[in-house]
Amino acid sequence: MLGLPGQITSAQVVMLVFGQPLLRHLAGQARAFDPGLRPRRKAVLSRNLASKPGREDYIRVSLEERPGHLPLAHPRTGKSGLIRTMVEADGLVTVSARREGLAAGSDVDVWLI
């Protein structure tokens, strides 16, 4: 049994981070929990992102293509019950638990969803 949060956007992140790898593991897939298996794309963060140290955050972003440059990753922040932030997102940016956030202009790995 796998319990998910009640807010739809929180449930999406928990399912992506924990649920899918667990299901792959139960299906017998080797390296099911390897984060290197996630489809990723490099991008540049369009604005600063704050985060509390000590917890890992997953921030939804939309990608803006720029010919000849890495795409811009625009954070889609809001309360966890706002479906719009999920619908408008192309991926997730992870902020490590050791960081207090990410600065605008930083190169980031976007986990495509």
PDB file of N, CA and C in Angstrom:
ATOM      1  N   MET A   1       0.843  -1.156   0.000  1.00  0.00           N
ATOM      2  CA  MET A   1       0.000   0.000   0.000  1.00  0.00           C
ATOM      3  C   MET A   1       0.902   1.237   0.000  1.00  0.00           C
ATOM      4  N   LEU A   2       0.517   2.216  -0.792  1.00  0.00           N
ATOM      5  CA  LEU A   2       1.272   3.457  -0.891  1.00  0.00           C
ATOM      6  C   LEU A   2       0.309   4.607  -0.651  1.00  0.00           C
ATOM      7  N   GLY A   3       0.579   5.402   0.371  1.00  0.00           N
ATOM      8  CA  GLY A   3      -0.272   6.556   0.668  1.00  0.00           C
ATOM      9  C   GLY A   3       0.277   7.802  -0.003  1.00  0.00           C
ATOM     10  N   LEU A   4      -0.625   8.617  -0.537  1.00  0.00           N
ATOM     11  CA  LEU A   4      -0.244   9.862  -1.193  1.00  0.00           C
ATOM     12  C   LEU A   4      -0.886  11.034  -0.475  1.00  0.00           C
ATOM     13  N   PRO A   5      -0.273  12.226  -0.550  1.00  0.00           N
ATOM     14  CA  PRO A   5      -0.886  13.407   0.057  1.00  0.00           C
ATOM     15  C   PRO A   5      -2.233  13.721  -0.596  1.00  0.00           C
ATOM     16  N   GLY A   6      -3.063  14.500   0.105  1.00  0.00           N
ATOM     17  CA  GLY A   6      -4.374  14.849  -0.407  1.00  0.00           C
ATOM     18  C   GLY A   6      -4.363  15.915  -1.489  1.00  0.00           C
ATOM     19  N   GLN A   7      -3.366  16.783  -1.499  1.00  0.00           N
ATOM     20  CA  GLN A   7      -3.281  17.823  -2.527  1.00  0.00           C
ATOM     21  C   GLN A   7      -2.745  17.195  -3.809  1.00  0.00           C
ATOM     22  N   ILE A   8      -3.406  17.502  -4.919  1.00  0.00           N
ATOM     23  CA  ILE A   8      -3.085  16.834  -6.192  1.00  0.00           C
ATOM     24  C   ILE A   8      -1.650  17.077  -6.638  1.00  0.00           C
ATOM     25  N   THR A   9      -1.147  18.296  -6.495  1.00  0.00           N
ATOM     26  CA  THR A   9       0.209  18.576  -6.959  1.00  0.00           C
ATOM     27  C   THR A   9       1.248  17.921  -6.057  1.00  0.00           C
ATOM     28  N   SER A  10       0.966  17.873  -4.761  1.00  0.00           N
ATOM     29  CA  SER A  10       1.867  17.166  -3.850  1.00  0.00           C
ATOM     30  C   SER A  10       1.856  15.672  -4.147  1.00  0.00           C
ATOM     31  N   ALA A  11       0.678  15.149  -4.437  1.00  0.00           N
ATOM     32  CA  ALA A  11       0.566  13.727  -4.771  1.00  0.00           C
ATOM     33  C   ALA A  11       1.358  13.404  -6.039  1.00  0.00           C
ATOM     34  N   GLN A  12       1.347  14.323  -7.012  1.00  0.00           N
ATOM     35  CA  GLN A  12       2.095  14.103  -8.251  1.00  0.00           C
ATOM     36  C   GLN A  12       3.591  13.966  -7.959  1.00  0.00           C
ATOM     37  N   VAL A  13       4.135  14.872  -7.150  1.00  0.00           N
ATOM     38  CA  VAL A  13       5.568  14.841  -6.854  1.00  0.00           C
ATOM     39  C   VAL A  13       5.923  13.582  -6.069  1.00  0.00           C
ATOM     40  N   VAL A  14       5.117  13.234  -5.074  1.00  0.00           N
ATOM     41  CA  VAL A  14       5.403  12.032  -4.287  1.00  0.00           C
ATOM     42  C   VAL A  14       5.347  10.788  -5.173  1.00  0.00           C
ATOM     43  N   MET A  15       4.391  10.744  -6.079  1.00  0.00           N
ATOM     44  CA  MET A  15       4.300   9.589  -6.980  1.00  0.00           C
ATOM     45  C   MET A  15       5.514   9.512  -7.906  1.00  0.00           C
ATOM     46  N   LEU A  16       5.964  10.668  -8.412  1.00  0.00           N
ATOM     47  CA  LEU A  16       7.133  10.677  -9.291  1.00  0.00           C
ATOM     48  C   LEU A  16       8.411  10.290  -8.542  1.00  0.00           C
ATOM     49  N   VAL A  17       8.577  10.828  -7.334  1.00  0.00           N
ATOM     50  CA  VAL A  17       9.819  10.622  -6.582  1.00  0.00           C
ATOM     51  C   VAL A  17       9.883   9.244  -5.932  1.00  0.00           C
ATOM     52  N   PHE A  18       8.766   8.793  -5.351  1.00  0.00           N
ATOM     53  CA  PHE A  18       8.777   7.529  -4.613  1.00  0.00           C
ATOM     54  C   PHE A  18       7.953   6.425  -5.272  1.00  0.00           C
ATOM     55  N   GLY A  19       6.778   6.763  -5.760  1.00  0.00           N
ATOM     56  CA  GLY A  19       5.846   5.764  -6.261  1.00  0.00           C
ATOM     57  C   GLY A  19       6.313   5.043  -7.516  1.00  0.00           C
ATOM     58  N   GLN A  20       6.698   5.795  -8.541  1.00  0.00           N
ATOM     59  CA  GLN A  20       7.139   5.158  -9.785  1.00  0.00           C
ATOM     60  C   GLN A  20       8.357   4.265  -9.585  1.00  0.00           C
ATOM     61  N   PRO A  21       9.393   4.748  -8.867  1.00  0.00           N
ATOM     62  CA  PRO A  21      10.528   3.845  -8.638  1.00  0.00           C
ATOM     63  C   PRO A  21      10.131   2.581  -7.858  1.00  0.00           C
ATOM     64  N   LEU A  22       9.225   2.733  -6.889  1.00  0.00           N
ATOM     65  CA  LEU A  22       8.772   1.567  -6.126  1.00  0.00           C
ATOM     66  C   LEU A  22       8.054   0.572  -7.040  1.00  0.00           C
ATOM     67  N   LEU A  23       7.184   1.072  -7.899  1.00  0.00           N
ATOM     68  CA  LEU A  23       6.476   0.182  -8.820  1.00  0.00           C
ATOM     69  C   LEU A  23       7.437  -0.505  -9.787  1.00  0.00           C
ATOM     70  N   ARG A  24       8.450   0.238 -10.267  1.00  0.00           N
ATOM     71  CA  ARG A  24       9.451  -0.385 -11.156  1.00  0.00           C
ATOM     72  C   ARG A  24      10.229  -1.463 -10.408  1.00  0.00           C
ATOM     73  N   HIS A  25      10.560  -1.192  -9.154  1.00  0.00           N
ATOM     74  CA  HIS A  25      11.284  -2.171  -8.334  1.00  0.00           C
ATOM     75  C   HIS A  25      10.436  -3.427  -8.131  1.00  0.00           C
ATOM     76  N   LEU A  26       9.164  -3.229  -7.801  1.00  0.00           N
ATOM     77  CA  LEU A  26       8.276  -4.371  -7.586  1.00  0.00           C
ATOM     78  C   LEU A  26       8.071  -5.177  -8.868  1.00  0.00           C
ATOM     79  N   ALA A  27       8.221  -4.514 -10.021  1.00  0.00           N
ATOM     80  CA  ALA A  27       8.106  -5.201 -11.312  1.00  0.00           C
ATOM     81  C   ALA A  27       9.403  -5.899 -11.709  1.00  0.00           C
ATOM     82  N   GLY A  28      10.448  -5.753 -10.872  1.00  0.00           N
ATOM     83  CA  GLY A  28      11.690  -6.460 -11.127  1.00  0.00           C
ATOM     84  C   GLY A  28      12.730  -5.689 -11.911  1.00  0.00           C
ATOM     85  N   GLN A  29      12.514  -4.400 -12.129  1.00  0.00           N
ATOM     86  CA  GLN A  29      13.473  -3.605 -12.897  1.00  0.00           C
ATOM     87  C   GLN A  29      14.714  -3.323 -12.049  1.00  0.00           C
ATOM     88  N   ALA A  30      15.863  -3.656 -12.601  1.00  0.00           N
ATOM     89  CA  ALA A  30      17.130  -3.353 -11.930  1.00  0.00           C
ATOM     90  C   ALA A  30      17.338  -1.840 -11.937  1.00  0.00           C
ATOM     91  N   ARG A  31      17.959  -1.326 -10.921  1.00  0.00           N
ATOM     92  CA  ARG A  31      18.256   0.108 -10.781  1.00  0.00           C
ATOM     93  C   ARG A  31      16.981   0.971 -10.786  1.00  0.00           C
ATOM     94  N   ALA A  32      15.891   0.459 -10.289  1.00  0.00           N
ATOM     95  CA  ALA A  32      14.606   1.163 -10.322  1.00  0.00           C
ATOM     96  C   ALA A  32      14.657   2.505  -9.605  1.00  0.00           C
ATOM     97  N   PHE A  33      15.518   2.640  -8.601  1.00  0.00           N
ATOM     98  CA  PHE A  33      15.588   3.873  -7.822  1.00  0.00           C
ATOM     99  C   PHE A  33      16.706   4.807  -8.280  1.00  0.00           C
ATOM    100  N   ASP A  34      17.356   4.490  -9.381  1.00  0.00           N
ATOM    101  CA  ASP A  34      18.462   5.295  -9.890  1.00  0.00           C
ATOM    102  C   ASP A  34      17.929   6.604 -10.481  1.00  0.00           C
ATOM    103  N   PRO A  35      18.267   7.780  -9.875  1.00  0.00           N
ATOM    104  CA  PRO A  35      17.782   9.050 -10.409  1.00  0.00           C
ATOM    105  C   PRO A  35      18.316   9.357 -11.804  1.00  0.00           C
ATOM    106  N   GLY A  36      19.382   8.670 -12.218  1.00  0.00           N
ATOM    107  CA  GLY A  36      19.932   8.870 -13.549  1.00  0.00           C
ATOM    108  C   GLY A  36      19.007   8.382 -14.659  1.00  0.00           C
ATOM    109  N   LEU A  37      17.987   7.614 -14.301  1.00  0.00           N
ATOM    110  CA  LEU A  37      17.039   7.118 -15.289  1.00  0.00           C
ATOM    111  C   LEU A  37      15.959   8.152 -15.634  1.00  0.00           C
ATOM    112  N   ARG A  38      15.874   9.203 -14.859  1.00  0.00           N
ATOM    113  CA  ARG A  38      14.864  10.234 -15.099  1.00  0.00           C
ATOM    114  C   ARG A  38      15.231  11.048 -16.340  1.00  0.00           C
ATOM    115  N   PRO A  39      14.257  11.325 -17.216  1.00  0.00           N
ATOM    116  CA  PRO A  39      14.565  12.171 -18.384  1.00  0.00           C
ATOM    117  C   PRO A  39      14.835  13.596 -17.925  1.00  0.00           C
ATOM    118  N   ARG A  40      15.983  14.138 -18.315  1.00  0.00           N
ATOM    119  CA  ARG A  40      16.393  15.466 -17.851  1.00  0.00           C
ATOM    120  C   ARG A  40      16.800  16.344 -19.020  1.00  0.00           C
ATOM    121  N   ARG A  41      16.755  17.639 -18.761  1.00  0.00           N
ATOM    122  CA  ARG A  41      17.183  18.623 -19.749  1.00  0.00           C
ATOM    123  C   ARG A  41      17.826  19.793 -19.025  1.00  0.00           C
ATOM    124  N   LYS A  42      18.932  20.283 -19.557  1.00  0.00           N
ATOM    125  CA  LYS A  42      19.595  21.464 -18.987  1.00  0.00           C
ATOM    126  C   LYS A  42      18.784  22.712 -19.322  1.00  0.00           C
ATOM    127  N   ALA A  43      18.769  23.669 -18.387  1.00  0.00           N
ATOM    128  CA  ALA A  43      18.089  24.945 -18.593  1.00  0.00           C
ATOM    129  C   ALA A  43      18.746  25.984 -17.698  1.00  0.00           C
ATOM    130  N   VAL A  44      18.319  27.235 -17.856  1.00  0.00           N
ATOM    131  CA  VAL A  44      18.804  28.351 -17.037  1.00  0.00           C
ATOM    132  C   VAL A  44      17.622  28.865 -16.221  1.00  0.00           C
ATOM    133  N   LEU A  45      17.824  29.005 -14.931  1.00  0.00           N
ATOM    134  CA  LEU A  45      16.758  29.460 -14.046  1.00  0.00           C
ATOM    135  C   LEU A  45      16.471  30.938 -14.279  1.00  0.00           C
ATOM    136  N   SER A  46      15.192  31.278 -14.447  1.00  0.00           N
ATOM    137  CA  SER A  46      14.817  32.651 -14.805  1.00  0.00           C
ATOM    138  C   SER A  46      14.753  33.594 -13.610  1.00  0.00           C
ATOM    139  N   ARG A  47      14.569  33.064 -12.406  1.00  0.00           N
ATOM    140  CA  ARG A  47      14.526  33.920 -11.214  1.00  0.00           C
ATOM    141  C   ARG A  47      14.994  33.145  -9.996  1.00  0.00           C
ATOM    142  N   ASN A  48      15.278  33.864  -8.923  1.00  0.00           N
ATOM    143  CA  ASN A  48      15.735  33.230  -7.689  1.00  0.00           C
ATOM    144  C   ASN A  48      14.666  32.296  -7.124  1.00  0.00           C
ATOM    145  N   LEU A  49      15.127  31.214  -6.520  1.00  0.00           N
ATOM    146  CA  LEU A  49      14.242  30.270  -5.841  1.00  0.00           C
ATOM    147  C   LEU A  49      14.714  30.119  -4.402  1.00  0.00           C
ATOM    148  N   ALA A  50      13.852  30.417  -3.460  1.00  0.00           N
ATOM    149  CA  ALA A  50      14.189  30.240  -2.051  1.00  0.00           C
ATOM    150  C   ALA A  50      13.802  28.839  -1.610  1.00  0.00           C
ATOM    151  N   SER A  51      14.551  28.311  -0.650  1.00  0.00           N
ATOM    152  CA  SER A  51      14.264  26.991  -0.110  1.00  0.00           C
ATOM    153  C   SER A  51      14.822  26.925   1.311  1.00  0.00           C
ATOM    154  N   LYS A  52      14.153  26.179   2.161  1.00  0.00           N
ATOM    155  CA  LYS A  52      14.630  26.023   3.532  1.00  0.00           C
ATOM    156  C   LYS A  52      15.696  24.934   3.566  1.00  0.00           C
ATOM    157  N   PRO A  53      16.849  25.235   4.181  1.00  0.00           N
ATOM    158  CA  PRO A  53      17.863  24.197   4.295  1.00  0.00           C
ATOM    159  C   PRO A  53      17.344  23.043   5.154  1.00  0.00           C
ATOM    160  N   GLY A  54      17.789  21.841   4.832  1.00  0.00           N
ATOM    161  CA  GLY A  54      17.387  20.679   5.600  1.00  0.00           C
ATOM    162  C   GLY A  54      16.272  19.869   4.966  1.00  0.00           C
ATOM    163  N   ARG A  55      15.700  20.371   3.876  1.00  0.00           N
ATOM    164  CA  ARG A  55      14.687  19.582   3.169  1.00  0.00           C
ATOM    165  C   ARG A  55      14.894  19.742   1.668  1.00  0.00           C
ATOM    166  N   GLU A  56      14.642  18.677   0.962  1.00  0.00           N
ATOM    167  CA  GLU A  56      14.766  18.709  -0.491  1.00  0.00           C
ATOM    168  C   GLU A  56      13.447  19.201  -1.073  1.00  0.00           C
ATOM    169  N   ASP A  57      13.521  20.184  -1.963  1.00  0.00           N
ATOM    170  CA  ASP A  57      12.326  20.741  -2.590  1.00  0.00           C
ATOM    171  C   ASP A  57      12.311  20.407  -4.070  1.00  0.00           C
ATOM    172  N   TYR A  58      11.124  20.185  -4.584  1.00  0.00           N
ATOM    173  CA  TYR A  58      10.899  19.943  -6.008  1.00  0.00           C
ATOM    174  C   TYR A  58      10.002  21.070  -6.508  1.00  0.00           C
ATOM    175  N   ILE A  59      10.547  21.915  -7.372  1.00  0.00           N
ATOM    176  CA  ILE A  59       9.835  23.091  -7.862  1.00  0.00           C
ATOM    177  C   ILE A  59       9.424  22.851  -9.310  1.00  0.00           C
ATOM    178  N   ARG A  60       8.142  23.029  -9.592  1.00  0.00           N
ATOM    179  CA  ARG A  60       7.657  22.892 -10.965  1.00  0.00           C
ATOM    180  C   ARG A  60       8.125  24.080 -11.790  1.00  0.00           C
ATOM    181  N   VAL A  61       8.537  23.812 -13.023  1.00  0.00           N
ATOM    182  CA  VAL A  61       8.990  24.871 -13.933  1.00  0.00           C
ATOM    183  C   VAL A  61       8.406  24.640 -15.319  1.00  0.00           C
ATOM    184  N   SER A  62       8.232  25.732 -16.045  1.00  0.00           N
ATOM    185  CA  SER A  62       7.903  25.632 -17.470  1.00  0.00           C
ATOM    186  C   SER A  62       9.144  26.070 -18.234  1.00  0.00           C
ATOM    187  N   LEU A  63       9.326  25.518 -19.415  1.00  0.00           N
ATOM    188  CA  LEU A  63      10.518  25.812 -20.213  1.00  0.00           C
ATOM    189  C   LEU A  63      10.161  26.745 -21.359  1.00  0.00           C
ATOM    190  N   GLU A  64      10.998  27.768 -21.533  1.00  0.00           N
ATOM    191  CA  GLU A  64      10.857  28.706 -22.654  1.00  0.00           C
ATOM    192  C   GLU A  64      12.047  28.500 -23.574  1.00  0.00           C
ATOM    193  N   GLU A  65      11.765  28.037 -24.770  1.00  0.00           N
ATOM    194  CA  GLU A  65      12.831  27.777 -25.735  1.00  0.00           C
ATOM    195  C   GLU A  65      13.459  29.086 -26.209  1.00  0.00           C
ATOM    196  N   ARG A  66      14.789  29.062 -26.404  1.00  0.00           N
ATOM    197  CA  ARG A  66      15.540  30.211 -26.909  1.00  0.00           C
ATOM    198  C   ARG A  66      16.533  29.700 -27.933  1.00  0.00           C
ATOM    199  N   PRO A  67      16.337  30.029 -29.209  1.00  0.00           N
ATOM    200  CA  PRO A  67      17.251  29.530 -30.243  1.00  0.00           C
ATOM    201  C   PRO A  67      18.711  29.881 -29.931  1.00  0.00           C
ATOM    202  N   GLY A  68      19.568  28.879 -29.988  1.00  0.00           N
ATOM    203  CA  GLY A  68      20.993  29.084 -29.755  1.00  0.00           C
ATOM    204  C   GLY A  68      21.398  29.149 -28.295  1.00  0.00           C
ATOM    205  N   HIS A  69      20.448  29.032 -27.377  1.00  0.00           N
ATOM    206  CA  HIS A  69      20.738  29.098 -25.935  1.00  0.00           C
ATOM    207  C   HIS A  69      19.972  27.995 -25.216  1.00  0.00           C
ATOM    208  N   LEU A  70      20.393  27.734 -23.989  1.00  0.00           N
ATOM    209  CA  LEU A  70      19.613  26.814 -23.163  1.00  0.00           C
ATOM    210  C   LEU A  70      18.249  27.440 -22.895  1.00  0.00           C
ATOM    211  N   PRO A  71      17.214  26.622 -22.748  1.00  0.00           N
ATOM    212  CA  PRO A  71      15.899  27.188 -22.444  1.00  0.00           C
ATOM    213  C   PRO A  71      15.889  27.838 -21.057  1.00  0.00           C
ATOM    214  N   LEU A  72      14.961  28.776 -20.867  1.00  0.00           N
ATOM    215  CA  LEU A  72      14.748  29.373 -19.557  1.00  0.00           C
ATOM    216  C   LEU A  72      13.764  28.510 -18.780  1.00  0.00           C
ATOM    217  N   ALA A  73      14.068  28.268 -17.516  1.00  0.00           N
ATOM    218  CA  ALA A  73      13.178  27.522 -16.630  1.00  0.00           C
ATOM    219  C   ALA A  73      12.461  28.536 -15.741  1.00  0.00           C
ATOM    220  N   HIS A  74      11.162  28.693 -15.958  1.00  0.00           N
ATOM    221  CA  HIS A  74      10.342  29.622 -15.189  1.00  0.00           C
ATOM    222  C   HIS A  74       9.625  28.864 -14.070  1.00  0.00           C
ATOM    223  N   PRO A  75       9.933  29.172 -12.806  1.00  0.00           N
ATOM    224  CA  PRO A  75       9.251  28.495 -11.697  1.00  0.00           C
ATOM    225  C   PRO A  75       7.745  28.751 -11.726  1.00  0.00           C
ATOM    226  N   ARG A  76       6.991  27.712 -11.477  1.00  0.00           N
ATOM    227  CA  ARG A  76       5.524  27.781 -11.386  1.00  0.00           C
ATOM    228  C   ARG A  76       5.160  27.484  -9.940  1.00  0.00           C
ATOM    229  N   THR A  77       5.317  28.493  -9.096  1.00  0.00           N
ATOM    230  CA  THR A  77       5.091  28.305  -7.669  1.00  0.00           C
ATOM    231  C   THR A  77       3.648  28.643  -7.308  1.00  0.00           C
ATOM    232  N   GLY A  78       3.227  28.151  -6.185  1.00  0.00           N
ATOM    233  CA  GLY A  78       1.884  28.390  -5.677  1.00  0.00           C
ATOM    234  C   GLY A  78       1.550  27.340  -4.644  1.00  0.00           C
ATOM    235  N   LYS A  79       0.379  27.463  -4.078  1.00  0.00           N
ATOM    236  CA  LYS A  79      -0.061  26.498  -3.074  1.00  0.00           C
ATOM    237  C   LYS A  79      -0.195  25.114  -3.707  1.00  0.00           C
ATOM    238  N   SER A  80      -0.050  24.087  -2.856  1.00  0.00           N
ATOM    239  CA  SER A  80      -0.025  22.718  -3.374  1.00  0.00           C
ATOM    240  C   SER A  80      -1.366  22.266  -3.942  1.00  0.00           C
ATOM    241  N   GLY A  81      -2.422  23.037  -3.753  1.00  0.00           N
ATOM    242  CA  GLY A  81      -3.712  22.670  -4.306  1.00  0.00           C
ATOM    243  C   GLY A  81      -4.008  23.305  -5.654  1.00  0.00           C
ATOM    244  N   LEU A  82      -3.089  24.141  -6.165  1.00  0.00           N
ATOM    245  CA  LEU A  82      -3.310  24.820  -7.438  1.00  0.00           C
ATOM    246  C   LEU A  82      -2.943  23.909  -8.597  1.00  0.00           C
ATOM    247  N   ILE A  83      -3.941  23.406  -9.265  1.00  0.00           N
ATOM    248  CA  ILE A  83      -3.712  22.492 -10.389  1.00  0.00           C
ATOM    249  C   ILE A  83      -2.989  23.212 -11.522  1.00  0.00           C
ATOM    250  N   ARG A  84      -3.214  24.523 -11.656  1.00  0.00           N
ATOM    251  CA  ARG A  84      -2.585  25.285 -12.743  1.00  0.00           C
ATOM    252  C   ARG A  84      -1.067  25.159 -12.720  1.00  0.00           C
ATOM    253  N   THR A  85      -0.459  25.150 -11.538  1.00  0.00           N
ATOM    254  CA  THR A  85       1.008  25.033 -11.471  1.00  0.00           C
ATOM    255  C   THR A  85       1.475  23.695 -12.025  1.00  0.00           C
ATOM    256  N   MET A  86       0.656  22.675 -11.893  1.00  0.00           N
ATOM    257  CA  MET A  86       0.990  21.350 -12.405  1.00  0.00           C
ATOM    258  C   MET A  86       0.769  21.280 -13.916  1.00  0.00           C
ATOM    259  N   VAL A  87      -0.336  21.844 -14.382  1.00  0.00           N
ATOM    260  CA  VAL A  87      -0.679  21.786 -15.799  1.00  0.00           C
ATOM    261  C   VAL A  87       0.310  22.594 -16.645  1.00  0.00           C
ATOM    262  N   GLU A  88       0.777  23.729 -16.112  1.00  0.00           N
ATOM    263  CA  GLU A  88       1.692  24.596 -16.861  1.00  0.00           C
ATOM    264  C   GLU A  88       3.140  24.137 -16.800  1.00  0.00           C
ATOM    265  N   ALA A  89       3.442  23.141 -15.976  1.00  0.00           N
ATOM    266  CA  ALA A  89       4.829  22.713 -15.772  1.00  0.00           C
ATOM    267  C   ALA A  89       5.290  21.729 -16.829  1.00  0.00           C
ATOM    268  N   ASP A  90       6.550  21.897 -17.243  1.00  0.00           N
ATOM    269  CA  ASP A  90       7.208  20.943 -18.137  1.00  0.00           C
ATOM    270  C   ASP A  90       8.102  19.995 -17.359  1.00  0.00           C
ATOM    271  N   GLY A  91       8.449  20.388 -16.135  1.00  0.00           N
ATOM    272  CA  GLY A  91       9.352  19.559 -15.363  1.00  0.00           C
ATOM    273  C   GLY A  91       9.522  20.064 -13.947  1.00  0.00           C
ATOM    274  N   LEU A  92      10.447  19.425 -13.244  1.00  0.00           N
ATOM    275  CA  LEU A  92      10.760  19.765 -11.853  1.00  0.00           C
ATOM    276  C   LEU A  92      12.237  20.094 -11.726  1.00  0.00           C
ATOM    277  N   VAL A  93      12.530  21.086 -10.896  1.00  0.00           N
ATOM    278  CA  VAL A  93      13.905  21.411 -10.519  1.00  0.00           C
ATOM    279  C   VAL A  93      14.058  21.020  -9.055  1.00  0.00           C
ATOM    280  N   THR A  94      15.106  20.286  -8.755  1.00  0.00           N
ATOM    281  CA  THR A  94      15.361  19.853  -7.389  1.00  0.00           C
ATOM    282  C   THR A  94      16.289  20.839  -6.704  1.00  0.00           C
ATOM    283  N   VAL A  95      15.884  21.271  -5.502  1.00  0.00           N
ATOM    284  CA  VAL A  95      16.747  22.092  -4.656  1.00  0.00           C
ATOM    285  C   VAL A  95      17.220  21.194  -3.527  1.00  0.00           C
ATOM    286  N   SER A  96      18.505  20.947  -3.472  1.00  0.00           N
ATOM    287  CA  SER A  96      19.093  20.048  -2.489  1.00  0.00           C
ATOM    288  C   SER A  96      18.819  20.526  -1.067  1.00  0.00           C
ATOM    289  N   ALA A  97      18.746  19.580  -0.139  1.00  0.00           N
ATOM    290  CA  ALA A  97      18.535  19.897   1.270  1.00  0.00           C
ATOM    291  C   ALA A  97      19.693  20.703   1.847  1.00  0.00           C
ATOM    292  N   ARG A  98      20.840  20.686   1.196  1.00  0.00           N
ATOM    293  CA  ARG A  98      22.006  21.437   1.675  1.00  0.00           C
ATOM    294  C   ARG A  98      22.022  22.876   1.188  1.00  0.00           C
ATOM    295  N   ARG A  99      21.048  23.261   0.361  1.00  0.00           N
ATOM    296  CA  ARG A  99      21.026  24.597  -0.238  1.00  0.00           C
ATOM    297  C   ARG A  99      19.917  25.448   0.377  1.00  0.00           C
ATOM    298  N   GLU A 100      20.098  26.760   0.311  1.00  0.00           N
ATOM    299  CA  GLU A 100      19.055  27.692   0.751  1.00  0.00           C
ATOM    300  C   GLU A 100      18.320  28.265  -0.444  1.00  0.00           C
ATOM    301  N   GLY A 101      18.492  27.664  -1.567  1.00  0.00           N
ATOM    302  CA  GLY A 101      17.814  28.112  -2.769  1.00  0.00           C
ATOM    303  C   GLY A 101      18.759  28.102  -3.954  1.00  0.00           C
ATOM    304  N   LEU A 102      18.262  28.627  -5.065  1.00  0.00           N
ATOM    305  CA  LEU A 102      19.044  28.715  -6.295  1.00  0.00           C
ATOM    306  C   LEU A 102      18.935  30.132  -6.838  1.00  0.00           C
ATOM    307  N   ALA A 103      20.011  30.627  -7.419  1.00  0.00           N
ATOM    308  CA  ALA A 103      20.044  31.996  -7.939  1.00  0.00           C
ATOM    309  C   ALA A 103      19.604  32.050  -9.393  1.00  0.00           C
ATOM    310  N   ALA A 104      18.974  33.154  -9.753  1.00  0.00           N
ATOM    311  CA  ALA A 104      18.601  33.388 -11.154  1.00  0.00           C
ATOM    312  C   ALA A 104      19.857  33.297 -12.012  1.00  0.00           C
ATOM    313  N   GLY A 105      19.737  32.720 -13.181  1.00  0.00           N
ATOM    314  CA  GLY A 105      20.871  32.561 -14.084  1.00  0.00           C
ATOM    315  C   GLY A 105      21.650  31.271 -13.878  1.00  0.00           C
ATOM    316  N   SER A 106      21.303  30.524 -12.833  1.00  0.00           N
ATOM    317  CA  SER A 106      21.986  29.250 -12.572  1.00  0.00           C
ATOM    318  C   SER A 106      21.583  28.211 -13.612  1.00  0.00           C
ATOM    319  N   ASP A 107      22.549  27.382 -14.002  1.00  0.00           N
ATOM    320  CA  ASP A 107      22.222  26.226 -14.830  1.00  0.00           C
ATOM    321  C   ASP A 107      21.567  25.173 -13.936  1.00  0.00           C
ATOM    322  N   VAL A 108      20.453  24.627 -14.390  1.00  0.00           N
ATOM    323  CA  VAL A 108      19.733  23.629 -13.609  1.00  0.00           C
ATOM    324  C   VAL A 108      19.401  22.426 -14.495  1.00  0.00           C
ATOM    325  N   ASP A 109      19.227  21.279 -13.859  1.00  0.00           N
ATOM    326  CA  ASP A 109      18.727  20.081 -14.527  1.00  0.00           C
ATOM    327  C   ASP A 109      17.226  20.055 -14.304  1.00  0.00           C
ATOM    328  N   VAL A 110      16.469  20.014 -15.373  1.00  0.00           N
ATOM    329  CA  VAL A 110      15.016  19.929 -15.270  1.00  0.00           C
ATOM    330  C   VAL A 110      14.616  18.479 -15.500  1.00  0.00           C
ATOM    331  N   TRP A 111      13.946  17.919 -14.528  1.00  0.00           N
ATOM    332  CA  TRP A 111      13.410  16.568 -14.621  1.00  0.00           C
ATOM    333  C   TRP A 111      12.098  16.672 -15.387  1.00  0.00           C
ATOM    334  N   LEU A 112      12.096  16.192 -16.618  1.00  0.00           N
ATOM    335  CA  LEU A 112      10.928  16.335 -17.487  1.00  0.00           C
ATOM    336  C   LEU A 112       9.786  15.438 -17.007  1.00  0.00           C
ATOM    337  N   ILE A 113       8.592  16.024 -16.976  1.00  0.00           N
ATOM    338  CA  ILE A 113       7.398  15.271 -16.532  1.00  0.00           C
ATOM    339  C   ILE A 113       6.336  15.302 -17.608  1.00  0.00           C
TER     340      ILE A 113
END
